[in-house]
Amino acid sequence: MDLRRLSPVNVSGGELPSVNLWFEITNRSQIVITLDRLLLEVWFGQPTFRGAILNRIEIQPRSTTKEAVYFWTPLDAQQVAQIKRYLDSGTPGNPVAITAEISAYFVSRLGWLKVDRHLNETNVRRVGI
């Protein structure tokens, strides 16, 4: 489980500021697994928001998710200000990284599996913020 390679994190301003995160999940086993839920805490320098993906997604053996596994959340004015300050603190040669603490719960015919990941990402796309 990881953030996807192409535009994994998008931060948008405007009338309804928001953040989108896209994930890729690879099933290296020989059985079908189902993502039951994914819980996340995202940091832009400090804890910024928590959320969950509650859609169940089936992942075939030895494959990577084909459908979008994404999270969207609106941002309030304080979150927008915090994110802007944090992203502005980076430089072109040394961008800042966001951190995502992830807990994903999978189910299969063999039972339950929990996967915890600590992800850092510098590829953050900003639009209007």
Foldseek 3Di string as FASTA:
>chain_A
DAFDDPQQWEWEDDPWTKIKGWHKDFAQAQFKKKWQKKKKFKALPHTQDIDMDHDIDIDHHGGMDPDTDMDMDTHDPVSVVSNVVSQVVADPVGGAWMWMWMWIWMAGPVGIDIDTDIDIDRSYHYYHD
